[in-house]
């Protein structure tokens, strides 16, 4: 079982910055991918950025050049630095962890955080 604790959401003016953090804890679980997803009112949840154990990075086109994802493997944490924020970035941001239980390493599971609100005012 994995538990995710998110922090760093809030209200910021357009052009400003925010930093999100997600800490994963649990036992008998090996993390593969960590990342951030977001969901705005009336829209489907979308992938923002992910990072794998091997260090592969993936960003949504809408955030490339503005957001940076990083991972601390030793601390099982993932961070999302968000710069040049736009009103369109307003959404609930969710941390997601993908990995496998130690007794079943070939089958991966997804775990989600509770979400943190990011609001960008114009």
N, C-alpha and C. Protein backbone atom coordinates (compact mmCIF):
# COMPACT_ATOMS: atom_id res chain seq x y z
N UNK A 1 0.84 -1.19 0.00
CA UNK A 1 0.00 0.00 0.00
C UNK A 1 0.88 1.25 0.00
N UNK A 2 0.45 2.24 -0.79
CA UNK A 2 1.18 3.49 -0.92
C UNK A 2 0.25 4.65 -0.56
N UNK A 3 0.78 5.59 0.21
CA UNK A 3 0.06 6.81 0.53
C UNK A 3 0.83 8.00 -0.02
N UNK A 4 0.10 8.96 -0.59
CA UNK A 4 0.70 10.13 -1.19
C UNK A 4 0.22 11.38 -0.47
N UNK A 5 1.15 12.26 -0.13
CA UNK A 5 0.84 13.52 0.52
C UNK A 5 1.33 14.66 -0.35
N UNK A 6 0.40 15.50 -0.79
CA UNK A 6 0.71 16.61 -1.68
C UNK A 6 0.71 17.92 -0.91
N UNK A 7 1.52 18.86 -1.38
CA UNK A 7 1.58 20.18 -0.78
C UNK A 7 2.03 21.19 -1.81
N UNK A 8 1.77 22.46 -1.53
CA UNK A 8 2.28 23.54 -2.37
C UNK A 8 1.26 24.27 -3.22
N UNK A 9 0.02 23.81 -3.23
CA UNK A 9 -1.00 24.50 -4.01
C UNK A 9 -1.35 25.85 -3.39
N UNK A 10 -2.06 26.66 -4.16
CA UNK A 10 -2.46 27.95 -3.66
C UNK A 10 -2.91 28.88 -4.75
N UNK A 11 -2.97 30.15 -4.41
CA UNK A 11 -3.41 31.20 -5.32
C UNK A 11 -2.22 32.05 -5.73
N UNK A 12 -2.10 32.31 -7.03
CA UNK A 12 -1.00 33.10 -7.54
C UNK A 12 -1.49 33.93 -8.72
N UNK A 13 -0.85 35.07 -8.94
CA UNK A 13 -1.19 35.91 -10.08
C UNK A 13 -0.57 35.36 -11.36
N UNK A 14 -1.19 35.68 -12.48
CA UNK A 14 -0.64 35.27 -13.76
C UNK A 14 0.80 35.75 -13.90
N UNK A 15 1.65 34.86 -14.40
CA UNK A 15 3.07 35.17 -14.52
C UNK A 15 3.89 34.75 -13.33
N UNK A 16 3.23 34.39 -12.25
CA UNK A 16 3.92 33.98 -11.04
C UNK A 16 4.30 32.52 -11.06
N UNK A 17 4.78 32.05 -9.90
CA UNK A 17 5.27 30.69 -9.79
C UNK A 17 4.73 29.99 -8.56
N UNK A 18 4.64 28.68 -8.65
CA UNK A 18 4.28 27.83 -7.54
C UNK A 18 5.09 26.55 -7.65
N UNK A 19 5.31 25.91 -6.52
CA UNK A 19 6.01 24.64 -6.49
C UNK A 19 5.17 23.61 -5.74
N UNK A 20 4.94 22.48 -6.36
CA UNK A 20 4.19 21.39 -5.76
C UNK A 20 5.12 20.27 -5.35
N UNK A 21 4.79 19.61 -4.26
CA UNK A 21 5.57 18.48 -3.79
C UNK A 21 4.65 17.32 -3.46
N UNK A 22 5.15 16.12 -3.65
CA UNK A 22 4.41 14.91 -3.35
C UNK A 22 5.35 13.91 -2.72
N UNK A 23 5.00 13.44 -1.54
CA UNK A 23 5.81 12.46 -0.83
C UNK A 23 5.06 11.14 -0.76
N UNK A 24 5.72 10.08 -1.17
CA UNK A 24 5.14 8.75 -1.16
C UNK A 24 5.69 7.94 0.00
N UNK A 25 4.81 7.22 0.65
CA UNK A 25 5.22 6.36 1.76
C UNK A 25 4.45 5.05 1.69
N UNK A 26 5.03 4.02 2.24
CA UNK A 26 4.40 2.72 2.24
C UNK A 26 5.44 1.62 2.32
N UNK A 27 4.98 0.41 2.21
CA UNK A 27 5.87 -0.74 2.30
C UNK A 27 5.53 -1.75 1.22
N UNK A 28 6.49 -2.60 0.93
CA UNK A 28 6.31 -3.68 -0.04
C UNK A 28 5.86 -3.17 -1.41
N UNK A 29 6.44 -2.05 -1.82
CA UNK A 29 6.05 -1.44 -3.08
C UNK A 29 7.26 -0.76 -3.71
N UNK A 30 7.50 -1.04 -4.97
CA UNK A 30 8.61 -0.45 -5.71
C UNK A 30 8.06 0.55 -6.73
N UNK A 31 8.41 1.81 -6.58
CA UNK A 31 7.90 2.86 -7.45
C UNK A 31 8.61 2.85 -8.79
N UNK A 32 7.83 2.99 -9.84
CA UNK A 32 8.37 3.09 -11.19
C UNK A 32 8.27 4.52 -11.71
N UNK A 33 7.06 5.03 -11.80
CA UNK A 33 6.82 6.36 -12.34
C UNK A 33 6.11 7.24 -11.32
N UNK A 34 6.51 8.50 -11.26
CA UNK A 34 5.83 9.50 -10.45
C UNK A 34 5.49 10.67 -11.36
N UNK A 35 4.35 11.30 -11.10
CA UNK A 35 3.99 12.40 -11.95
C UNK A 35 2.82 13.20 -11.43
N UNK A 36 2.45 14.19 -12.23
CA UNK A 36 1.37 15.11 -11.89
C UNK A 36 0.33 15.14 -12.99
N UNK A 37 -0.92 15.14 -12.59
CA UNK A 37 -2.06 15.28 -13.47
C UNK A 37 -2.92 16.41 -12.94
N UNK A 38 -3.76 16.96 -13.80
CA UNK A 38 -4.63 18.04 -13.35
C UNK A 38 -6.00 17.92 -13.99
N UNK A 39 -6.97 18.49 -13.31
CA UNK A 39 -8.34 18.49 -13.81
C UNK A 39 -8.98 19.83 -13.51
N UNK A 40 -9.39 20.52 -14.57
CA UNK A 40 -10.09 21.78 -14.45
C UNK A 40 -11.59 21.54 -14.47
N UNK A 41 -12.38 22.46 -13.93
CA UNK A 41 -13.83 22.29 -13.92
C UNK A 41 -14.39 22.05 -15.31
N UNK A 42 -15.20 21.01 -15.46
CA UNK A 42 -15.82 20.71 -16.73
C UNK A 42 -14.92 20.04 -17.74
N UNK A 43 -13.70 19.70 -17.36
CA UNK A 43 -12.77 19.07 -18.28
C UNK A 43 -12.26 17.75 -17.72
N UNK A 44 -11.75 16.91 -18.61
CA UNK A 44 -11.19 15.64 -18.20
C UNK A 44 -9.81 15.81 -17.60
N UNK A 45 -9.43 14.86 -16.77
CA UNK A 45 -8.11 14.89 -16.18
C UNK A 45 -7.05 14.66 -17.25
N UNK A 46 -5.97 15.44 -17.19
CA UNK A 46 -4.92 15.33 -18.17
C UNK A 46 -3.55 15.19 -17.50
N UNK A 47 -2.65 14.56 -18.20
CA UNK A 47 -1.29 14.41 -17.70
C UNK A 47 -0.53 15.71 -17.87
N UNK A 48 0.15 16.13 -16.83
CA UNK A 48 0.96 17.34 -16.85
C UNK A 48 2.42 17.00 -17.08
N UNK A 49 2.96 16.14 -16.24
CA UNK A 49 4.37 15.77 -16.34
C UNK A 49 4.62 14.49 -15.56
N UNK A 50 5.53 13.67 -16.05
CA UNK A 50 5.92 12.44 -15.37
C UNK A 50 7.42 12.24 -15.45
N UNK A 51 7.93 11.46 -14.52
CA UNK A 51 9.34 11.08 -14.52
C UNK A 51 9.44 9.63 -14.09
N UNK A 52 10.21 8.84 -14.82
CA UNK A 52 10.38 7.43 -14.51
C UNK A 52 11.60 7.21 -13.64
N UNK A 53 11.74 5.97 -13.16
CA UNK A 53 12.91 5.61 -12.36
C UNK A 53 14.19 5.81 -13.15
N UNK A 54 14.13 5.55 -14.45
CA UNK A 54 15.29 5.71 -15.32
C UNK A 54 15.59 7.17 -15.64
N UNK A 55 14.69 8.07 -15.26
CA UNK A 55 14.92 9.48 -15.49
C UNK A 55 14.26 10.06 -16.72
N UNK A 56 13.44 9.29 -17.40
CA UNK A 56 12.74 9.79 -18.58
C UNK A 56 11.67 10.80 -18.18
N UNK A 57 11.64 11.92 -18.87
CA UNK A 57 10.70 12.99 -18.58
C UNK A 57 9.66 13.12 -19.68
N UNK A 58 8.45 13.45 -19.28
CA UNK A 58 7.37 13.64 -20.22
C UNK A 58 6.54 14.83 -19.77
N UNK A 59 6.33 15.79 -20.68
CA UNK A 59 5.55 16.98 -20.38
C UNK A 59 4.41 17.14 -21.37
N UNK A 60 3.30 17.64 -20.88
CA UNK A 60 2.23 18.05 -21.77
C UNK A 60 2.70 19.24 -22.59
N UNK A 61 2.25 19.31 -23.84
CA UNK A 61 2.67 20.41 -24.71
C UNK A 61 2.34 21.78 -24.11
N UNK A 62 1.25 21.86 -23.39
CA UNK A 62 0.81 23.13 -22.85
C UNK A 62 1.70 23.68 -21.74
N UNK A 63 2.56 22.84 -21.16
CA UNK A 63 3.40 23.29 -20.05
C UNK A 63 4.88 23.25 -20.37
N UNK A 64 5.26 22.75 -21.52
CA UNK A 64 6.67 22.67 -21.89
C UNK A 64 7.31 24.06 -21.87
N UNK A 65 8.47 24.13 -21.27
CA UNK A 65 9.18 25.39 -21.17
C UNK A 65 8.79 26.22 -19.97
N UNK A 66 7.72 25.83 -19.29
CA UNK A 66 7.26 26.57 -18.11
C UNK A 66 7.33 25.74 -16.83
N UNK A 67 7.04 24.45 -16.94
CA UNK A 67 7.03 23.57 -15.78
C UNK A 67 8.25 22.65 -15.80
N UNK A 68 8.72 22.29 -14.63
CA UNK A 68 9.83 21.37 -14.50
C UNK A 68 9.52 20.33 -13.43
N UNK A 69 9.62 19.06 -13.79
CA UNK A 69 9.39 17.99 -12.84
C UNK A 69 10.74 17.41 -12.41
N UNK A 70 10.84 17.06 -11.14
CA UNK A 70 12.05 16.45 -10.62
C UNK A 70 11.69 15.41 -9.57
N UNK A 71 12.59 14.47 -9.35
CA UNK A 71 12.33 13.37 -8.44
C UNK A 71 13.53 13.12 -7.54
N UNK A 72 13.24 12.90 -6.28
CA UNK A 72 14.26 12.52 -5.32
C UNK A 72 13.98 11.07 -4.95
N UNK A 73 14.73 10.15 -5.54
CA UNK A 73 14.49 8.73 -5.32
C UNK A 73 14.70 8.30 -3.88
N UNK A 74 15.70 8.87 -3.23
CA UNK A 74 16.00 8.50 -1.86
C UNK A 74 14.87 8.86 -0.91
N UNK A 75 14.20 9.97 -1.19
CA UNK A 75 13.12 10.44 -0.32
C UNK A 75 11.74 10.07 -0.84
N UNK A 76 11.69 9.42 -2.01
CA UNK A 76 10.41 9.07 -2.62
C UNK A 76 9.50 10.28 -2.78
N UNK A 77 10.06 11.34 -3.29
CA UNK A 77 9.30 12.55 -3.51
C UNK A 77 9.42 13.01 -4.96
N UNK A 78 8.42 13.73 -5.40
CA UNK A 78 8.43 14.31 -6.73
C UNK A 78 7.96 15.76 -6.60
N UNK A 79 8.58 16.64 -7.39
CA UNK A 79 8.28 18.06 -7.32
C UNK A 79 7.90 18.58 -8.70
N UNK A 80 7.07 19.59 -8.70
CA UNK A 80 6.69 20.25 -9.93
C UNK A 80 6.86 21.75 -9.74
N UNK A 81 7.87 22.30 -10.40
CA UNK A 81 8.09 23.73 -10.37
C UNK A 81 7.32 24.35 -11.52
N UNK A 82 6.41 25.25 -11.20
CA UNK A 82 5.54 25.86 -12.20
C UNK A 82 5.86 27.35 -12.30
N UNK A 83 6.36 27.76 -13.45
CA UNK A 83 6.69 29.15 -13.70
C UNK A 83 5.81 29.72 -14.79
N UNK A 84 5.78 31.04 -14.88
CA UNK A 84 4.99 31.73 -15.90
C UNK A 84 3.57 31.20 -15.96
N UNK A 85 2.95 31.10 -14.82
CA UNK A 85 1.62 30.51 -14.73
C UNK A 85 0.59 31.35 -15.46
N UNK A 86 -0.37 30.65 -16.04
CA UNK A 86 -1.45 31.27 -16.79
C UNK A 86 -2.79 30.89 -16.15
N UNK A 87 -3.82 31.70 -16.37
CA UNK A 87 -5.15 31.33 -15.85
C UNK A 87 -5.60 29.94 -16.31
N UNK A 88 -5.17 29.53 -17.49
CA UNK A 88 -5.52 28.22 -18.02
C UNK A 88 -4.93 27.08 -17.20
N UNK A 89 -3.95 27.37 -16.37
CA UNK A 89 -3.34 26.36 -15.51
C UNK A 89 -4.17 26.07 -14.27
N UNK A 90 -5.19 26.86 -14.04
CA UNK A 90 -6.05 26.67 -12.87
C UNK A 90 -6.71 25.30 -12.92
N UNK A 91 -6.51 24.52 -11.87
CA UNK A 91 -7.04 23.16 -11.81
C UNK A 91 -6.69 22.55 -10.47
N UNK A 92 -7.27 21.39 -10.22
CA UNK A 92 -6.83 20.56 -9.11
C UNK A 92 -5.71 19.67 -9.63
N UNK A 93 -4.58 19.70 -8.97
CA UNK A 93 -3.42 18.93 -9.39
C UNK A 93 -3.28 17.69 -8.51
N UNK A 94 -3.13 16.55 -9.17
CA UNK A 94 -3.04 15.27 -8.48
C UNK A 94 -1.69 14.62 -8.71
N UNK A 95 -1.12 14.11 -7.66
CA UNK A 95 0.09 13.31 -7.76
C UNK A 95 -0.29 11.86 -8.03
N UNK A 96 0.42 11.22 -8.94
CA UNK A 96 0.20 9.81 -9.21
C UNK A 96 1.51 9.04 -9.17
N UNK A 97 1.46 7.88 -8.55
CA UNK A 97 2.60 6.99 -8.46
C UNK A 97 2.22 5.66 -9.08
N UNK A 98 3.10 5.13 -9.89
CA UNK A 98 2.91 3.82 -10.50
C UNK A 98 4.04 2.90 -10.07
N UNK A 99 3.68 1.70 -9.67
CA UNK A 99 4.70 0.76 -9.25
C UNK A 99 4.12 -0.62 -9.06
N UNK A 100 4.93 -1.51 -8.54
CA UNK A 100 4.54 -2.90 -8.36
C UNK A 100 4.78 -3.35 -6.92
N UNK A 101 3.91 -4.21 -6.45
CA UNK A 101 4.11 -4.82 -5.15
C UNK A 101 5.31 -5.75 -5.23
N UNK A 102 6.05 -5.85 -4.15
CA UNK A 102 7.27 -6.63 -4.16
C UNK A 102 7.03 -8.11 -4.41
N UNK A 103 5.87 -8.60 -4.02
CA UNK A 103 5.56 -10.02 -4.22
C UNK A 103 4.94 -10.30 -5.59
N UNK A 104 4.67 -9.25 -6.34
CA UNK A 104 4.13 -9.39 -7.69
C UNK A 104 4.74 -8.30 -8.57
N UNK A 105 6.02 -8.39 -8.84
CA UNK A 105 6.74 -7.30 -9.51
C UNK A 105 6.38 -7.07 -10.97
N UNK A 106 5.71 -8.00 -11.61
CA UNK A 106 5.37 -7.85 -13.02
C UNK A 106 4.06 -7.11 -13.25
N UNK A 107 3.31 -6.86 -12.21
CA UNK A 107 2.01 -6.21 -12.33
C UNK A 107 2.05 -4.87 -11.60
N UNK A 108 1.80 -3.78 -12.35
CA UNK A 108 1.86 -2.44 -11.79
C UNK A 108 0.49 -1.93 -11.35
N UNK A 109 0.52 -1.08 -10.33
CA UNK A 109 -0.68 -0.43 -9.82
C UNK A 109 -0.49 1.08 -9.82
N UNK A 110 -1.61 1.80 -9.89
CA UNK A 110 -1.61 3.25 -9.82
C UNK A 110 -2.14 3.71 -8.47
N UNK A 111 -1.49 4.71 -7.90
CA UNK A 111 -1.93 5.31 -6.65
C UNK A 111 -2.03 6.82 -6.84
N UNK A 112 -3.10 7.41 -6.32
CA UNK A 112 -3.38 8.82 -6.50
C UNK A 112 -3.39 9.57 -5.18
N UNK A 113 -2.91 10.80 -5.22
CA UNK A 113 -3.03 11.69 -4.08
C UNK A 113 -4.41 12.31 -4.02
N UNK A 114 -4.66 13.08 -2.96
CA UNK A 114 -5.98 13.66 -2.77
C UNK A 114 -6.23 14.89 -3.63
N UNK A 115 -5.18 15.47 -4.18
CA UNK A 115 -5.30 16.64 -5.02
C UNK A 115 -5.07 17.93 -4.27
N UNK A 116 -4.49 18.91 -4.94
CA UNK A 116 -4.26 20.22 -4.36
C UNK A 116 -4.67 21.28 -5.37
N UNK A 117 -5.37 22.30 -4.90
CA UNK A 117 -5.91 23.32 -5.79
C UNK A 117 -4.84 24.34 -6.17
N UNK A 118 -4.74 24.62 -7.47
CA UNK A 118 -3.90 25.68 -7.99
C UNK A 118 -4.80 26.66 -8.72
N UNK A 119 -4.78 27.91 -8.29
CA UNK A 119 -5.61 28.94 -8.90
C UNK A 119 -4.73 30.08 -9.37
N UNK A 120 -4.84 30.43 -10.64
CA UNK A 120 -4.06 31.51 -11.23
C UNK A 120 -5.01 32.62 -11.64
N UNK A 121 -4.84 33.78 -11.05
CA UNK A 121 -5.70 34.92 -11.33
C UNK A 121 -5.10 35.79 -12.42
N UNK A 122 -5.96 36.43 -13.19
CA UNK A 122 -5.52 37.30 -14.27
C UNK A 122 -5.41 38.74 -13.82
